[in-house]
Amino acid sequence: MPAVCSTPACWALVFQEFGHAFGTLALGLPLALLLGIKREAVGSTFSVGREGNLVIIGEKYGMTSPEGRGVLAEYITGTVLGALFIAVLAGFIASLHIFDPRALAMGAGVGSGSLMAAALGAVTAQQPAEMVPQLTAIAAASNLLTSVVGFYFTLFLSLPLCDWLYRKLEPVLGRVSKHGRAPTAEGTGAAGGQPLAAHSLSIGDTAVAWVVMTGGVMIANLLSYKVPLLTSFEGVVVVLLVVAVVEAFKRLLPRLPLVLVLSVVATVVGVPGLFPFSDAVLALTGKLNFMAFTTPVLALAGFSVAKDLPLFRQLGWRIVLVSLTATAGTFLGATLIAQLFH
């Protein structure tokens, strides 16, 4: 029986995920503390702050917490400046010729399609044309691995480690800053760094949220991807059934992590042929585009952020610099580990 992973590139793909998971906090967290950022540093440096990371922080701390503001700042910075920044960074690193192009391609797979494309474009522009298909395949595999496996890395490894390092380093590095204490919202648990108690929405509020999301997804799917409303509705109903099962678990077992249950249930249901209904589920939900979900979610998040704009202004350029440093950390961390296998 052949070995599951028998080539250096295979092992590089496996272990470079540690660079993606821990590179953000290795560079970003000390800088955030030196700049006087407090609990927002945890949210902005435990990951690159993409959609799945918003969910993790929202479930554990709440989006109105300092950690929530930190991850949202990371998300906004990455969305507006991330692609340009990582393209310049990857192009500069590639021009130094100190890393194998395949290691750089693995580093480009940070878990975001736009960031991966920007970094990969800067790398492949400096390589022979015959290497481009190989580098593209490597970057795509790394990005997929970071998107799927990286979710669990951040949930169980990098976020707990980032929180622990914050409590250890803040009393030391926080004294160096001349900015003073960053603003925190009263009652969020910021002072002690403890997660907020999770409070489930009432059944009525849950129903309203589902209706709003259903309408938003259907309209976004129609306008952007020309998918008929009825086709989108069938897929959304399947998604809501999965969410309903997870919501029932959460109400029966309140201490159970909602993100973990949702990811497990969705993964199991989506395995082709595992259940009699699995293929039908995949066929119905396959017509739903991912960006159709993010559009209404981010619109609602934008309304939520409006009340915290004064706090964002006080964090100012510091949180932007920390967010970009965290993005650099995930790229460089994965590239360094992948390079060890070439």
Protein backbone atom coordinates (compact mmCIF):
# COMPACT_ATOMS: atom_id res chain seq x y z
CA MET A 1 0.00 0.00 0.00
CA PRO A 2 1.57 3.34 -1.04
CA ALA A 3 2.39 5.89 1.60
CA VAL A 4 -0.23 8.59 2.09
CA CYS A 5 2.40 11.35 1.94
CA SER A 6 5.66 10.27 0.35
CA THR A 7 7.05 13.39 -1.34
CA PRO A 8 8.69 16.53 0.09
CA ALA A 9 5.99 18.71 -1.49
CA CYS A 10 3.29 16.67 0.26
CA TRP A 11 4.93 17.05 3.65
CA ALA A 12 5.52 20.72 2.97
CA LEU A 13 1.80 21.18 2.34
CA VAL A 14 1.02 19.42 5.61
CA PHE A 15 3.41 21.36 7.83
CA GLN A 16 3.20 24.78 6.19
CA GLU A 17 -0.25 25.06 7.75
CA PHE A 18 1.47 25.67 11.09
CA GLY A 19 3.09 28.72 9.52
CA HIS A 20 -0.26 30.03 8.35
CA ALA A 21 -1.80 29.38 11.76
CA PHE A 22 0.93 30.84 13.98
CA GLY A 23 2.69 33.34 11.72
CA THR A 24 0.02 35.97 12.28
CA LEU A 25 0.40 36.11 16.05
CA ALA A 26 4.19 35.64 15.95
CA LEU A 27 4.61 39.00 14.20
CA GLY A 28 1.33 40.78 14.84
CA LEU A 29 0.77 40.26 18.56
CA PRO A 30 4.06 41.72 19.89
CA LEU A 31 3.66 44.71 17.57
CA ALA A 32 0.07 45.27 18.72
CA LEU A 33 1.12 45.26 22.36
CA LEU A 34 4.03 47.62 21.70
CA LEU A 35 1.59 50.00 20.02
CA GLY A 36 -0.69 49.97 23.04
CA ILE A 37 -3.53 47.88 21.60
CA LYS A 38 -5.18 45.74 24.25
CA ARG A 39 -7.75 42.94 23.80
CA GLU A 40 -8.37 44.03 20.20
CA ALA A 41 -4.93 42.51 19.55
CA VAL A 42 -6.29 39.00 20.11
CA GLY A 43 -8.98 39.38 17.46
CA SER A 44 -6.67 41.02 14.94
CA THR A 45 -3.66 38.71 15.23
CA PHE A 46 -4.91 35.16 15.85
CA SER A 47 -5.62 34.77 12.11
CA VAL A 48 -5.91 36.73 8.86
CA GLY A 49 -9.47 37.57 9.85
CA ARG A 50 -11.49 36.07 7.02
CA GLU A 51 -15.15 35.00 7.18
CA GLY A 52 -14.65 31.85 9.24
CA ASN A 53 -12.55 33.76 11.76
CA LEU A 54 -15.33 36.32 12.20
CA VAL A 55 -17.62 33.45 13.12
CA ILE A 56 -15.14 32.03 15.64
CA ILE A 57 -14.67 35.36 17.43
CA GLY A 58 -18.37 36.18 17.27
CA GLU A 59 -19.25 32.87 18.90
CA LYS A 60 -16.57 33.00 21.59
CA TYR A 61 -16.47 36.69 22.54
CA GLY A 62 -19.26 38.44 20.64
CA MET A 63 -18.76 40.98 17.84
CA THR A 64 -19.33 43.91 20.24
CA SER A 65 -16.32 42.87 22.33
CA PRO A 66 -12.79 44.26 21.88
CA GLU A 67 -11.85 40.95 20.25
CA GLY A 68 -14.77 41.38 17.86
CA ARG A 69 -13.62 44.88 16.93
CA GLY A 70 -10.11 43.53 16.38
CA VAL A 71 -11.11 40.75 14.00
CA LEU A 72 -13.46 43.08 12.15
CA ALA A 73 -10.66 45.62 11.73
CA GLU A 74 -8.47 42.83 10.38
CA TYR A 75 -11.23 41.81 7.97
CA ILE A 76 -11.82 45.36 6.73
CA THR A 77 -8.09 46.05 6.35
CA GLY A 78 -7.58 42.79 4.49
CA THR A 79 -10.50 43.46 2.19
CA VAL A 80 -9.44 47.02 1.32
CA LEU A 81 -5.64 46.81 1.41
CA GLY A 82 -4.80 43.11 1.76
CA ALA A 83 -4.49 42.16 -1.91
CA LEU A 84 -2.30 45.15 -2.77
CA PHE A 85 -0.14 44.67 0.31
CA ILE A 86 0.48 40.95 -0.13
CA ALA A 87 1.17 41.39 -3.85
CA VAL A 88 3.91 43.92 -3.08
CA LEU A 89 5.28 41.77 -0.25
CA ALA A 90 5.28 38.53 -2.25
CA GLY A 91 6.83 40.25 -5.25
CA PHE A 92 9.60 41.71 -3.11
CA ILE A 93 10.33 38.41 -1.34
CA ALA A 94 10.36 36.55 -4.68
CA SER A 95 12.82 39.08 -6.12
CA LEU A 96 15.32 38.21 -3.38
CA HIS A 97 15.59 34.63 -4.76
CA ILE A 98 16.08 33.13 -1.29
CA PHE A 99 12.98 30.92 -1.38
CA ASP A 100 11.97 28.13 -3.72
CA PRO A 101 9.05 29.33 -5.91
CA ARG A 102 7.00 26.35 -4.71
CA ALA A 103 7.46 27.46 -1.11
CA LEU A 104 6.28 30.95 -2.07
CA ALA A 105 3.26 29.43 -3.80
CA MET A 106 2.38 27.54 -0.63
CA GLY A 107 2.79 30.72 1.37
CA ALA A 108 0.34 32.44 -0.99
CA GLY A 109 -2.45 30.09 0.09
CA VAL A 110 -3.47 32.16 3.10
CA GLY A 111 -7.12 31.08 3.04
CA SER A 112 -8.48 33.95 0.92
CA GLY A 113 -9.01 33.63 -2.82
CA SER A 114 -8.27 37.29 -3.54
CA LEU A 115 -5.12 37.37 -1.39
CA MET A 116 -3.90 34.10 -2.89
CA ALA A 117 -4.42 35.37 -6.43
CA ALA A 118 -2.59 38.62 -5.68
CA ALA A 119 0.39 36.91 -4.04
CA LEU A 120 0.57 34.16 -6.65
CA GLY A 121 0.46 36.67 -9.50
CA ALA A 122 3.43 38.55 -8.05
CA VAL A 123 5.38 35.29 -7.64
CA THR A 124 4.59 33.75 -11.04
CA ALA A 125 5.45 37.00 -12.83
CA GLN A 126 9.09 36.34 -11.93
CA GLN A 127 9.12 32.64 -12.88
CA PRO A 128 9.41 30.79 -16.21
CA ALA A 129 6.08 30.29 -17.98
CA GLU A 130 6.34 26.49 -17.75
CA MET A 131 6.32 26.69 -13.93
CA VAL A 132 3.09 28.70 -13.69
CA PRO A 133 0.64 25.73 -13.86
CA GLN A 134 2.56 23.87 -11.13
CA LEU A 135 2.75 26.93 -8.87
CA THR A 136 -0.93 27.66 -9.41
CA ALA A 137 -1.88 24.10 -8.44
CA ILE A 138 0.31 24.25 -5.33
CA ALA A 139 -1.12 27.60 -4.25
CA ALA A 140 -4.69 26.38 -4.80
CA ALA A 141 -4.04 23.23 -2.75
CA SER A 142 -2.48 25.28 0.05
CA ASN A 143 -5.37 27.77 0.00
CA LEU A 144 -7.94 24.97 0.19
CA LEU A 145 -6.07 23.35 3.06
CA THR A 146 -5.88 26.65 4.91
CA SER A 147 -9.57 27.35 4.34
CA VAL A 148 -10.73 23.95 5.62
CA VAL A 149 -8.10 22.62 8.05
CA GLY A 150 -7.04 26.13 9.02
CA PHE A 151 -10.48 26.75 10.49
CA TYR A 152 -9.83 24.07 13.11
CA PHE A 153 -6.24 25.25 13.60
CA THR A 154 -7.43 28.73 14.51
CA LEU A 155 -10.31 27.46 16.65
CA PHE A 156 -8.34 24.98 18.74
CA LEU A 157 -4.71 26.11 18.48
CA SER A 158 -3.93 29.66 17.40
CA LEU A 159 -6.79 31.45 19.21
CA PRO A 160 -6.14 29.78 22.61
CA LEU A 161 -2.40 30.32 22.13
CA CYS A 162 -2.92 33.96 21.16
CA ASP A 163 -5.10 34.55 24.22
CA TRP A 164 -2.51 32.88 26.49
CA LEU A 165 0.38 34.85 24.97
CA TYR A 166 -1.58 38.08 25.35
CA ARG A 167 -1.99 37.49 29.09
CA LYS A 168 1.71 36.69 29.43
CA LEU A 169 3.14 39.43 27.20
CA GLU A 170 0.78 42.35 27.80
CA PRO A 171 2.07 43.16 31.31
CA VAL A 172 5.59 43.36 29.84
CA LEU A 173 5.22 44.83 26.34
CA GLY A 174 2.19 46.92 27.22
CA ARG A 175 4.31 49.07 29.52
CA VAL A 176 6.53 50.13 26.64
CA SER A 177 3.71 51.79 24.72
CA LYS A 178 3.19 55.55 24.94
CA HIS A 179 -0.37 55.31 23.63
CA GLY A 180 -1.95 54.34 26.94
CA ARG A 181 -4.78 51.95 27.32
CA ALA A 182 -6.86 51.28 24.22
CA PRO A 183 -10.60 51.88 24.60
CA THR A 184 -12.73 48.97 25.67
CA ALA A 185 -16.46 48.61 25.99
CA GLU A 186 -17.80 48.15 29.46
CA GLY A 187 -19.18 44.73 30.22
CA THR A 188 -17.45 42.88 27.39
CA GLY A 189 -15.06 40.97 29.58
CA ALA A 190 -12.12 42.78 28.04
CA ALA A 191 -10.33 43.43 31.27
CA GLY A 192 -10.00 39.84 32.23
CA GLY A 193 -9.86 38.50 28.72
CA GLN A 194 -12.66 36.04 29.41
CA PRO A 195 -15.15 35.08 26.72
CA LEU A 196 -18.66 36.39 26.98
CA ALA A 197 -21.43 34.08 28.03
CA ALA A 198 -23.30 32.92 24.96
CA HIS A 199 -26.94 33.98 24.90
CA SER A 200 -29.18 32.36 22.33
CA LEU A 201 -31.65 34.51 20.45
CA SER A 202 -35.30 34.00 21.11
CA ILE A 203 -37.20 31.83 18.65
CA GLY A 204 -38.87 34.93 17.20
CA ASP A 205 -35.56 36.77 16.71
CA THR A 206 -34.04 33.64 15.19
CA ALA A 207 -36.92 33.39 12.71
CA VAL A 208 -36.48 37.05 11.72
CA ALA A 209 -32.73 36.51 11.21
CA TRP A 210 -33.39 33.49 9.00
CA VAL A 211 -35.93 35.40 6.89
CA VAL A 212 -33.56 38.33 6.41
CA MET A 213 -30.68 36.04 5.44
CA THR A 214 -32.89 34.00 3.09
CA GLY A 215 -34.04 37.13 1.28
CA GLY A 216 -30.53 38.57 1.14
CA VAL A 217 -28.97 35.39 -0.25
CA MET A 218 -31.70 34.93 -2.86
CA ILE A 219 -31.44 38.52 -4.10
CA ALA A 220 -27.61 38.50 -4.14
CA ASN A 221 -27.57 35.15 -5.96
CA LEU A 222 -30.01 36.48 -8.56
CA LEU A 223 -28.32 39.83 -9.18
CA SER A 224 -24.71 38.60 -9.17
CA TYR A 225 -24.95 35.07 -10.52
CA LYS A 226 -28.31 35.04 -12.38
CA VAL A 227 -29.63 32.09 -10.35
CA PRO A 228 -33.47 32.02 -10.31
CA LEU A 229 -35.09 32.91 -7.00
CA LEU A 230 -36.85 29.55 -6.65
CA THR A 231 -33.61 27.64 -7.24
CA SER A 232 -31.85 29.73 -4.60
CA PHE A 233 -34.77 29.27 -2.21
CA GLU A 234 -34.51 25.47 -2.43
CA GLY A 235 -30.82 25.62 -1.57
CA VAL A 236 -31.32 28.08 1.28
CA VAL A 237 -34.01 25.84 2.79
CA VAL A 238 -31.48 22.99 2.93
CA VAL A 239 -28.95 25.30 4.60
CA LEU A 240 -31.57 26.44 7.13
CA LEU A 241 -32.42 22.82 7.96
CA VAL A 242 -28.76 22.20 8.81
CA VAL A 243 -28.71 25.39 10.88
CA ALA A 244 -31.91 24.33 12.65
CA VAL A 245 -30.34 21.01 13.65
CA VAL A 246 -27.28 22.83 14.99
CA GLU A 247 -29.48 25.37 16.81
CA ALA A 248 -31.34 22.48 18.49
CA PHE A 249 -28.01 21.02 19.63
CA LYS A 250 -26.97 24.41 20.98
CA ARG A 251 -30.18 24.85 22.98
CA LEU A 252 -29.93 21.33 24.44
CA LEU A 253 -26.20 21.62 25.16
CA PRO A 254 -25.45 25.36 25.66
CA ARG A 255 -21.77 24.80 26.47
CA LEU A 256 -21.16 23.02 23.17
CA PRO A 257 -19.20 25.28 20.73
CA LEU A 258 -21.67 26.30 18.03
CA VAL A 259 -18.96 26.72 15.39
CA LEU A 260 -17.65 23.20 16.00
CA VAL A 261 -21.09 21.60 15.80
CA LEU A 262 -21.99 23.53 12.66
CA SER A 263 -18.76 22.61 10.87
CA VAL A 264 -19.07 18.92 11.78
CA VAL A 265 -22.73 18.62 10.79
CA ALA A 266 -22.24 20.51 7.52
CA THR A 267 -19.16 18.43 6.65
CA VAL A 268 -20.86 15.10 7.39
CA VAL A 269 -24.01 16.02 5.49
CA GLY A 270 -21.93 17.16 2.52
CA VAL A 271 -19.96 13.94 2.06
CA PRO A 272 -21.15 12.45 -1.29
CA GLY A 273 -23.04 9.18 -0.86
CA LEU A 274 -22.67 9.03 2.92
CA PHE A 275 -26.43 9.40 3.46
CA PRO A 276 -29.31 8.72 1.04
CA PHE A 277 -29.95 12.46 0.86
CA SER A 278 -26.33 13.63 0.59
CA ASP A 279 -26.26 13.90 -3.21
CA ALA A 280 -29.54 15.83 -3.22
CA VAL A 281 -28.15 18.22 -0.59
CA LEU A 282 -25.04 18.85 -2.69
CA ALA A 283 -27.10 19.39 -5.84
CA LEU A 284 -29.41 21.93 -4.19
CA THR A 285 -26.76 23.87 -2.30
CA GLY A 286 -24.34 23.80 -5.23
CA LYS A 287 -26.38 26.57 -6.87
CA LEU A 288 -25.69 28.90 -3.94
CA ASN A 289 -22.59 31.02 -4.36
CA PHE A 290 -20.47 31.77 -1.31
CA MET A 291 -20.37 35.52 -1.96
CA ALA A 292 -24.17 35.58 -1.95
CA PHE A 293 -23.99 34.73 1.77
CA THR A 294 -21.21 37.15 2.63
CA THR A 295 -22.98 40.15 1.06
CA PRO A 296 -25.92 40.32 3.54
CA VAL A 297 -23.74 39.20 6.45
CA LEU A 298 -21.19 41.96 5.88
CA ALA A 299 -23.94 44.51 5.29
CA LEU A 300 -25.39 43.68 8.70
CA ALA A 301 -21.91 43.71 10.22
CA GLY A 302 -21.40 47.19 8.77
CA PHE A 303 -24.50 48.46 10.56
CA SER A 304 -23.20 46.90 13.77
CA VAL A 305 -19.81 48.58 13.39
CA ALA A 306 -21.31 52.06 13.01
CA LYS A 307 -21.76 52.47 16.77
CA ASP A 308 -18.11 51.57 17.35
CA LEU A 309 -16.62 54.03 14.86
CA PRO A 310 -15.28 56.32 17.62
CA LEU A 311 -13.37 53.34 19.03
CA PHE A 312 -12.00 52.44 15.60
CA ARG A 313 -10.84 56.03 15.14
CA GLN A 314 -8.96 55.91 18.43
CA LEU A 315 -7.20 52.71 17.34
CA GLY A 316 -6.54 54.39 13.97
CA TRP A 317 -3.42 53.56 12.01
CA ARG A 318 -2.17 51.21 14.71
CA ILE A 319 -4.81 48.54 14.04
CA VAL A 320 -4.24 48.84 10.28
CA LEU A 321 -0.49 48.35 10.73
CA VAL A 322 -1.07 45.36 13.01
CA SER A 323 -3.52 43.81 10.55
CA LEU A 324 -1.09 44.11 7.65
CA THR A 325 1.71 42.70 9.81
CA ALA A 326 -0.47 39.70 10.67
CA THR A 327 -1.06 39.14 6.95
CA ALA A 328 2.69 39.29 6.34
CA GLY A 329 3.19 36.82 9.18
CA THR A 330 0.94 34.15 7.71
CA PHE A 331 2.63 34.42 4.30
CA LEU A 332 6.18 34.42 5.64
CA GLY A 333 5.50 31.74 8.27
CA ALA A 334 4.12 29.25 5.76
CA THR A 335 6.84 30.07 3.22
CA LEU A 336 9.61 29.50 5.76
CA ILE A 337 8.24 26.11 6.83
CA ALA A 338 7.60 25.01 3.24
CA GLN A 339 11.16 26.00 2.33
CA LEU A 340 12.53 23.48 4.84
CA PHE A 341 11.16 20.65 2.67
CA HIS A 342 12.72 21.84 -0.62
